[in-house]
Amino acid sequence: MEERRKNQPETCHSQMDRLRNRSDFEELSDGSHRMDNFNTPPQPVFDSEEMRGSMQAILSQNIGAYVVIEFLIGTEQMIRKQGMLYFVGRSFVTLYDESVNNFIVCDIFSVKFVYFYMPGDRPRYNYNLLPPVSGEPGMGGGRMR
């Protein structure tokens, strides 16, 4: 039985457990969390009649899942962000990007699509990389005057 568990893919819960076991993770008595000097309030419960079936409710039921989220910026531009679903608030969602050990706080109202990945699967491209900006040091593409 133990051998079979070792070969099973990581689940949403085991990914969050891995974070909870870090020495810099702290769960406070009010239900809030602190990790790497990043603080989150207590996780809201989205079980009220008006919140059942909402984007917030769906996302909060999948804390720990690896996701890519598409956001509509303005009227025409879509951008993507990826990471482990770390926290869901009423007006924002927080992703944890383990590869660079940072948090991304995102506006929930511009979320259009959420891609959930099977445990252990990851996208082929890192959507968190910002494109180079002309003239930015070390980025090329622009002339420095």
N, C-alpha and C. Protein backbone atom coordinates (compact mmCIF):
# COMPACT_ATOMS: atom_id res chain seq x y z
N MET A 1 0.82 -1.19 0.00
CA MET A 1 0.00 0.00 0.00
C MET A 1 0.86 1.25 0.00
N GLU A 2 1.88 1.30 0.85
CA GLU A 2 2.78 2.46 0.92
C GLU A 2 3.51 2.64 -0.41
N GLU A 3 3.92 1.54 -1.04
CA GLU A 3 4.62 1.62 -2.32
C GLU A 3 3.71 2.24 -3.39
N ARG A 4 2.44 1.88 -3.38
CA ARG A 4 1.50 2.43 -4.36
C ARG A 4 1.32 3.93 -4.16
N ARG A 5 1.29 4.39 -2.93
CA ARG A 5 1.16 5.83 -2.66
C ARG A 5 2.35 6.61 -3.19
N LYS A 6 3.54 6.04 -3.12
CA LYS A 6 4.73 6.72 -3.61
C LYS A 6 4.66 6.97 -5.10
N ASN A 7 4.02 6.08 -5.83
CA ASN A 7 3.95 6.20 -7.28
C ASN A 7 2.76 7.02 -7.75
N GLN A 8 1.87 7.42 -6.85
CA GLN A 8 0.71 8.20 -7.25
C GLN A 8 1.13 9.65 -7.47
N PRO A 9 0.48 10.33 -8.44
CA PRO A 9 0.81 11.73 -8.68
C PRO A 9 0.41 12.60 -7.49
N GLU A 10 1.07 13.73 -7.40
CA GLU A 10 0.78 14.68 -6.34
C GLU A 10 -0.62 15.25 -6.51
N THR A 11 -1.35 15.39 -5.42
CA THR A 11 -2.69 15.97 -5.48
C THR A 11 -2.64 17.42 -5.04
N CYS A 12 -3.77 18.13 -5.21
CA CYS A 12 -3.87 19.52 -4.76
C CYS A 12 -3.52 19.63 -3.28
N HIS A 13 -4.07 18.69 -2.50
CA HIS A 13 -3.85 18.75 -1.05
C HIS A 13 -2.39 18.50 -0.69
N SER A 14 -1.73 17.57 -1.39
CA SER A 14 -0.33 17.30 -1.05
C SER A 14 0.57 18.47 -1.45
N GLN A 15 0.20 19.21 -2.50
CA GLN A 15 0.98 20.39 -2.86
C GLN A 15 0.86 21.46 -1.77
N MET A 16 -0.33 21.68 -1.25
CA MET A 16 -0.50 22.65 -0.16
C MET A 16 0.17 22.15 1.10
N ASP A 17 0.11 20.84 1.36
CA ASP A 17 0.79 20.29 2.53
C ASP A 17 2.29 20.53 2.45
N ARG A 18 2.86 20.41 1.24
CA ARG A 18 4.29 20.66 1.06
C ARG A 18 4.62 22.11 1.45
N LEU A 19 3.76 23.06 1.08
CA LEU A 19 3.98 24.45 1.48
C LEU A 19 3.83 24.62 2.98
N ARG A 20 2.81 23.99 3.55
CA ARG A 20 2.58 24.11 5.00
C ARG A 20 3.73 23.55 5.81
N ASN A 21 4.48 22.60 5.24
CA ASN A 21 5.61 22.00 5.95
C ASN A 21 6.89 22.83 5.83
N ARG A 22 6.87 23.88 5.04
CA ARG A 22 8.06 24.73 4.94
C ARG A 22 8.30 25.45 6.26
N SER A 23 9.55 25.70 6.58
CA SER A 23 9.88 26.35 7.85
C SER A 23 9.41 27.80 7.89
N ASP A 24 9.22 28.44 6.73
CA ASP A 24 8.79 29.84 6.70
C ASP A 24 7.27 30.00 6.57
N PHE A 25 6.53 28.89 6.60
CA PHE A 25 5.06 28.95 6.53
C PHE A 25 4.51 29.02 7.94
N GLU A 26 3.60 29.97 8.15
CA GLU A 26 3.00 30.12 9.47
C GLU A 26 1.49 30.29 9.31
N GLU A 27 0.72 29.47 10.02
CA GLU A 27 -0.73 29.62 10.04
C GLU A 27 -1.10 30.24 11.38
N LEU A 28 -1.73 31.41 11.31
CA LEU A 28 -2.06 32.14 12.53
C LEU A 28 -3.40 31.69 13.08
N SER A 29 -3.68 32.04 14.34
CA SER A 29 -4.87 31.55 15.03
C SER A 29 -6.17 32.02 14.38
N ASP A 30 -6.15 33.14 13.65
CA ASP A 30 -7.37 33.62 12.99
C ASP A 30 -7.60 32.98 11.62
N GLY A 31 -6.72 32.04 11.22
CA GLY A 31 -6.85 31.36 9.93
C GLY A 31 -6.07 32.01 8.81
N SER A 32 -5.42 33.13 9.09
CA SER A 32 -4.59 33.77 8.08
C SER A 32 -3.27 33.03 7.96
N HIS A 33 -2.54 33.29 6.87
CA HIS A 33 -1.26 32.62 6.62
C HIS A 33 -0.16 33.65 6.37
N ARG A 34 1.05 33.22 6.66
CA ARG A 34 2.22 34.03 6.35
C ARG A 34 3.28 33.09 5.82
N MET A 35 3.88 33.45 4.67
CA MET A 35 4.97 32.68 4.10
C MET A 35 5.88 33.64 3.36
N ASP A 36 7.17 33.56 3.64
CA ASP A 36 8.13 34.45 2.98
C ASP A 36 7.72 35.91 3.08
N ASN A 37 7.24 36.34 4.23
CA ASN A 37 6.79 37.71 4.46
C ASN A 37 5.61 38.11 3.59
N PHE A 38 4.87 37.15 3.05
CA PHE A 38 3.64 37.42 2.30
C PHE A 38 2.49 36.97 3.17
N ASN A 39 1.55 37.86 3.44
CA ASN A 39 0.43 37.58 4.34
C ASN A 39 -0.87 37.47 3.57
N THR A 40 -1.71 36.52 3.96
CA THR A 40 -3.06 36.42 3.41
C THR A 40 -4.04 36.40 4.56
N PRO A 41 -5.23 36.96 4.35
CA PRO A 41 -6.26 36.91 5.39
C PRO A 41 -6.82 35.49 5.48
N PRO A 42 -7.71 35.23 6.42
CA PRO A 42 -8.35 33.92 6.48
C PRO A 42 -9.10 33.64 5.17
N GLN A 43 -9.09 32.40 4.72
CA GLN A 43 -9.77 32.02 3.48
C GLN A 43 -11.28 32.16 3.67
N PRO A 44 -11.96 33.01 2.86
CA PRO A 44 -13.42 33.12 2.97
C PRO A 44 -14.11 31.82 2.56
N VAL A 45 -15.30 31.63 3.06
CA VAL A 45 -16.12 30.50 2.66
C VAL A 45 -17.16 31.04 1.68
N PHE A 46 -17.24 30.44 0.52
CA PHE A 46 -18.16 30.92 -0.52
C PHE A 46 -19.38 30.01 -0.62
N ASP A 47 -19.99 29.72 0.53
CA ASP A 47 -21.11 28.79 0.57
C ASP A 47 -22.46 29.49 0.69
N SER A 48 -22.48 30.82 0.56
CA SER A 48 -23.77 31.51 0.63
C SER A 48 -24.52 31.29 -0.68
N GLU A 49 -25.81 31.51 -0.67
CA GLU A 49 -26.66 31.28 -1.85
C GLU A 49 -26.14 32.05 -3.06
N GLU A 50 -25.77 33.31 -2.89
CA GLU A 50 -25.34 34.12 -4.03
C GLU A 50 -23.93 33.75 -4.53
N MET A 51 -23.11 33.09 -3.71
CA MET A 51 -21.74 32.75 -4.13
C MET A 51 -21.61 31.32 -4.63
N ARG A 52 -22.60 30.44 -4.36
CA ARG A 52 -22.52 29.06 -4.85
C ARG A 52 -22.45 29.06 -6.37
N GLY A 53 -21.48 28.33 -6.91
CA GLY A 53 -21.32 28.25 -8.36
C GLY A 53 -20.57 29.42 -8.97
N SER A 54 -20.12 30.35 -8.15
CA SER A 54 -19.38 31.51 -8.66
C SER A 54 -17.94 31.11 -8.98
N MET A 55 -17.24 31.97 -9.70
CA MET A 55 -15.83 31.73 -10.00
C MET A 55 -15.04 31.58 -8.69
N GLN A 56 -15.33 32.43 -7.71
CA GLN A 56 -14.63 32.36 -6.43
C GLN A 56 -14.87 31.02 -5.75
N ALA A 57 -16.10 30.53 -5.77
CA ALA A 57 -16.41 29.25 -5.13
C ALA A 57 -15.69 28.10 -5.81
N ILE A 58 -15.72 28.08 -7.14
CA ILE A 58 -15.04 27.01 -7.88
C ILE A 58 -13.54 27.03 -7.59
N LEU A 59 -12.94 28.22 -7.66
CA LEU A 59 -11.50 28.30 -7.41
C LEU A 59 -11.15 27.92 -5.98
N SER A 60 -11.95 28.38 -5.01
CA SER A 60 -11.62 28.08 -3.61
C SER A 60 -11.72 26.59 -3.30
N GLN A 61 -12.54 25.86 -4.04
CA GLN A 61 -12.65 24.42 -3.85
C GLN A 61 -11.45 23.68 -4.45
N ASN A 62 -10.61 24.39 -5.18
CA ASN A 62 -9.47 23.77 -5.85
C ASN A 62 -8.14 24.38 -5.42
N ILE A 63 -8.09 24.93 -4.20
CA ILE A 63 -6.83 25.47 -3.66
C ILE A 63 -5.78 24.37 -3.73
N GLY A 64 -4.59 24.72 -4.21
CA GLY A 64 -3.50 23.75 -4.33
C GLY A 64 -3.34 23.23 -5.75
N ALA A 65 -4.34 23.42 -6.60
CA ALA A 65 -4.25 22.95 -7.99
C ALA A 65 -3.33 23.86 -8.79
N TYR A 66 -2.67 23.29 -9.79
CA TYR A 66 -1.84 24.09 -10.68
C TYR A 66 -2.73 24.59 -11.81
N VAL A 67 -2.71 25.90 -12.05
CA VAL A 67 -3.60 26.51 -13.02
C VAL A 67 -2.86 27.49 -13.93
N VAL A 68 -3.43 27.73 -15.08
CA VAL A 68 -3.11 28.86 -15.94
C VAL A 68 -4.40 29.65 -16.04
N ILE A 69 -4.32 30.94 -15.75
CA ILE A 69 -5.50 31.80 -15.78
C ILE A 69 -5.31 32.83 -16.88
N GLU A 70 -6.36 33.02 -17.69
CA GLU A 70 -6.35 34.05 -18.73
C GLU A 70 -7.16 35.24 -18.22
N PHE A 71 -6.57 36.42 -18.38
CA PHE A 71 -7.19 37.67 -17.94
C PHE A 71 -7.42 38.57 -19.14
N LEU A 72 -8.57 39.23 -19.17
CA LEU A 72 -8.84 40.23 -20.20
C LEU A 72 -8.39 41.58 -19.66
N ILE A 73 -7.44 42.18 -20.38
CA ILE A 73 -6.92 43.49 -20.00
C ILE A 73 -7.48 44.49 -21.01
N GLY A 74 -8.24 45.46 -20.56
CA GLY A 74 -8.90 46.39 -21.47
C GLY A 74 -9.99 45.68 -22.24
N THR A 75 -10.07 45.95 -23.55
CA THR A 75 -11.12 45.34 -24.36
C THR A 75 -10.59 44.31 -25.34
N GLU A 76 -9.26 44.22 -25.51
CA GLU A 76 -8.73 43.34 -26.55
C GLU A 76 -7.56 42.46 -26.14
N GLN A 77 -6.88 42.77 -25.06
CA GLN A 77 -5.65 42.05 -24.73
C GLN A 77 -5.89 40.98 -23.67
N MET A 78 -5.44 39.76 -23.97
CA MET A 78 -5.50 38.66 -23.02
C MET A 78 -4.07 38.37 -22.55
N ILE A 79 -3.91 38.18 -21.26
CA ILE A 79 -2.62 37.72 -20.73
C ILE A 79 -2.87 36.51 -19.86
N ARG A 80 -1.82 35.72 -19.68
CA ARG A 80 -1.92 34.51 -18.86
C ARG A 80 -0.94 34.58 -17.71
N LYS A 81 -1.35 34.00 -16.61
CA LYS A 81 -0.49 33.80 -15.44
C LYS A 81 -0.69 32.37 -14.99
N GLN A 82 0.35 31.80 -14.41
CA GLN A 82 0.28 30.41 -13.98
C GLN A 82 0.88 30.24 -12.60
N GLY A 83 0.47 29.17 -11.94
CA GLY A 83 1.02 28.82 -10.64
C GLY A 83 0.04 27.97 -9.86
N MET A 84 0.43 27.66 -8.65
CA MET A 84 -0.44 26.91 -7.77
C MET A 84 -1.46 27.87 -7.18
N LEU A 85 -2.72 27.48 -7.21
CA LEU A 85 -3.79 28.28 -6.64
C LEU A 85 -3.58 28.31 -5.13
N TYR A 86 -3.22 29.47 -4.60
CA TYR A 86 -2.81 29.60 -3.21
C TYR A 86 -3.92 30.16 -2.33
N PHE A 87 -4.66 31.15 -2.83
CA PHE A 87 -5.69 31.81 -2.03
C PHE A 87 -6.73 32.40 -2.97
N VAL A 88 -7.99 32.40 -2.51
CA VAL A 88 -9.07 33.03 -3.28
C VAL A 88 -9.83 33.97 -2.35
N GLY A 89 -9.85 35.23 -2.72
CA GLY A 89 -10.60 36.23 -1.98
C GLY A 89 -11.85 36.62 -2.76
N ARG A 90 -12.60 37.56 -2.24
CA ARG A 90 -13.82 38.00 -2.93
C ARG A 90 -13.49 38.76 -4.22
N SER A 91 -12.37 39.48 -4.25
CA SER A 91 -12.06 40.29 -5.44
C SER A 91 -10.69 39.98 -6.04
N PHE A 92 -10.01 38.97 -5.51
CA PHE A 92 -8.69 38.63 -6.04
C PHE A 92 -8.40 37.15 -5.87
N VAL A 93 -7.42 36.69 -6.61
CA VAL A 93 -6.93 35.32 -6.50
C VAL A 93 -5.40 35.42 -6.41
N THR A 94 -4.80 34.55 -5.61
CA THR A 94 -3.34 34.56 -5.47
C THR A 94 -2.79 33.24 -5.98
N LEU A 95 -1.78 33.34 -6.86
CA LEU A 95 -1.06 32.19 -7.38
C LEU A 95 0.32 32.16 -6.74
N TYR A 96 0.83 30.97 -6.51
CA TYR A 96 2.19 30.81 -6.01
C TYR A 96 3.02 30.18 -7.11
N ASP A 97 4.07 30.88 -7.54
CA ASP A 97 4.98 30.39 -8.58
C ASP A 97 6.19 29.78 -7.88
N GLU A 98 6.15 28.47 -7.68
CA GLU A 98 7.18 27.78 -6.91
C GLU A 98 8.56 27.86 -7.56
N SER A 99 8.61 27.92 -8.90
CA SER A 99 9.90 27.92 -9.59
C SER A 99 10.74 29.15 -9.25
N VAL A 100 10.10 30.27 -8.94
CA VAL A 100 10.84 31.48 -8.56
C VAL A 100 10.47 31.96 -7.16
N ASN A 101 9.67 31.17 -6.44
CA ASN A 101 9.29 31.45 -5.06
C ASN A 101 8.68 32.84 -4.90
N ASN A 102 7.63 33.12 -5.72
CA ASN A 102 6.92 34.38 -5.52
C ASN A 102 5.42 34.20 -5.66
N PHE A 103 4.69 35.22 -5.26
CA PHE A 103 3.24 35.22 -5.27
C PHE A 103 2.76 36.21 -6.32
N ILE A 104 1.66 35.88 -6.97
CA ILE A 104 1.06 36.77 -7.96
C ILE A 104 -0.39 36.99 -7.52
N VAL A 105 -0.73 38.23 -7.20
CA VAL A 105 -2.09 38.56 -6.80
C VAL A 105 -2.80 39.13 -8.03
N CYS A 106 -3.96 38.56 -8.36
CA CYS A 106 -4.64 38.85 -9.62
C CYS A 106 -6.08 39.29 -9.36
N ASP A 107 -6.56 40.20 -10.18
CA ASP A 107 -7.94 40.69 -10.10
C ASP A 107 -8.91 39.61 -10.57
N ILE A 108 -9.84 39.21 -9.72
CA ILE A 108 -10.77 38.13 -10.05
C ILE A 108 -11.75 38.56 -11.14
N PHE A 109 -12.03 39.85 -11.25
CA PHE A 109 -13.06 40.31 -12.18
C PHE A 109 -12.58 40.38 -13.63
N SER A 110 -11.28 40.23 -13.87
CA SER A 110 -10.79 40.17 -15.25
C SER A 110 -10.48 38.74 -15.67
N VAL A 111 -10.73 37.76 -14.78
CA VAL A 111 -10.52 36.35 -15.13
C VAL A 111 -11.57 35.93 -16.15
N LYS A 112 -11.09 35.34 -17.25
CA LYS A 112 -12.03 34.85 -18.28
C LYS A 112 -12.00 33.33 -18.37
N PHE A 113 -10.81 32.72 -18.29
CA PHE A 113 -10.68 31.27 -18.41
C PHE A 113 -9.65 30.77 -17.42
N VAL A 114 -9.90 29.59 -16.85
CA VAL A 114 -8.96 28.96 -15.93
C VAL A 114 -8.71 27.54 -16.43
N TYR A 115 -7.44 27.21 -16.65
CA TYR A 115 -7.04 25.87 -17.08
C TYR A 115 -6.49 25.14 -15.87
N PHE A 116 -7.08 24.01 -15.54
CA PHE A 116 -6.60 23.19 -14.43
C PHE A 116 -5.75 22.06 -15.01
N TYR A 117 -4.58 21.86 -14.42
CA TYR A 117 -3.67 20.82 -14.88
C TYR A 117 -3.77 19.60 -13.99
N MET A 118 -3.62 18.44 -14.60
CA MET A 118 -3.61 17.20 -13.84
C MET A 118 -2.39 17.22 -12.91
N PRO A 119 -2.47 16.56 -11.75
CA PRO A 119 -1.32 16.56 -10.83
C PRO A 119 -0.03 16.14 -11.54
N GLY A 120 1.00 16.94 -11.35
CA GLY A 120 2.30 16.67 -11.96
C GLY A 120 2.48 17.26 -13.34
N ASP A 121 1.39 17.62 -14.04
CA ASP A 121 1.49 18.24 -15.36
C ASP A 121 1.71 19.74 -15.22
N ARG A 122 2.43 20.30 -16.17
CA ARG A 122 2.68 21.74 -16.21
C ARG A 122 2.61 22.20 -17.66
N PRO A 123 2.30 23.48 -17.89
CA PRO A 123 2.30 23.97 -19.27
C PRO A 123 3.70 23.95 -19.85
N ARG A 124 3.79 23.95 -21.17
CA ARG A 124 5.10 23.91 -21.84
C ARG A 124 5.80 25.25 -21.83
N TYR A 125 5.07 26.31 -21.58
CA TYR A 125 5.62 27.66 -21.63
C TYR A 125 5.41 28.33 -20.27
N ASN A 126 6.34 29.17 -19.83
CA ASN A 126 6.18 29.90 -18.58
C ASN A 126 5.48 31.23 -18.88
N TYR A 127 4.20 31.31 -18.60
CA TYR A 127 3.42 32.50 -18.89
C TYR A 127 3.69 33.65 -17.92
N ASN A 128 4.46 33.41 -16.87
CA ASN A 128 4.76 34.48 -15.93
C ASN A 128 5.92 35.35 -16.37
N LEU A 129 6.65 34.92 -17.38
CA LEU A 129 7.76 35.73 -17.87
C LEU A 129 7.21 36.95 -18.58
N LEU A 130 7.70 38.09 -18.19
CA LEU A 130 7.27 39.32 -18.84
C LEU A 130 8.05 39.50 -20.13
N PRO A 131 7.42 40.01 -21.18
CA PRO A 131 8.16 40.24 -22.41
C PRO A 131 9.17 41.37 -22.21
N PRO A 132 10.29 41.32 -22.94
CA PRO A 132 11.27 42.40 -22.81
C PRO A 132 10.67 43.72 -23.25
N VAL A 133 11.05 44.77 -22.54
CA VAL A 133 10.59 46.12 -22.87
C VAL A 133 11.75 46.85 -23.51
N SER A 134 11.48 47.49 -24.62
CA SER A 134 12.53 48.21 -25.34
C SER A 134 13.25 49.17 -24.42
N GLY A 135 14.56 49.08 -24.43
CA GLY A 135 15.39 49.98 -23.62
C GLY A 135 15.63 49.51 -22.21
N GLU A 136 15.03 48.41 -21.81
CA GLU A 136 15.23 47.89 -20.46
C GLU A 136 16.63 47.29 -20.37
N PRO A 137 17.38 47.60 -19.31
CA PRO A 137 18.76 47.08 -19.20
C PRO A 137 18.80 45.56 -19.30
N GLY A 138 19.68 45.08 -20.17
CA GLY A 138 19.87 43.65 -20.32
C GLY A 138 18.86 42.97 -21.22
N MET A 139 17.91 43.72 -21.73
CA MET A 139 16.86 43.12 -22.55
C MET A 139 17.08 43.32 -24.04
N GLY A 140 17.97 44.23 -24.43
CA GLY A 140 18.21 44.48 -25.85
C GLY A 140 16.97 45.01 -26.52
N GLY A 141 17.02 45.03 -27.81
CA GLY A 141 15.85 45.45 -28.58
C GLY A 141 15.63 46.93 -28.64
N GLY A 142 16.28 47.67 -27.81
CA GLY A 142 16.11 49.12 -27.81
C GLY A 142 17.46 49.80 -27.75
N ARG A 143 17.50 51.01 -28.24
CA ARG A 143 18.76 51.76 -28.21
C ARG A 143 18.83 52.61 -26.97
N MET A 144 19.94 52.55 -26.30
CA MET A 144 20.17 53.40 -25.13
C MET A 144 20.80 54.68 -25.60
N ARG A 145 20.37 55.79 -25.17
CA ARG A 145 20.93 57.09 -25.59
C ARG A 145 21.73 57.69 -24.47
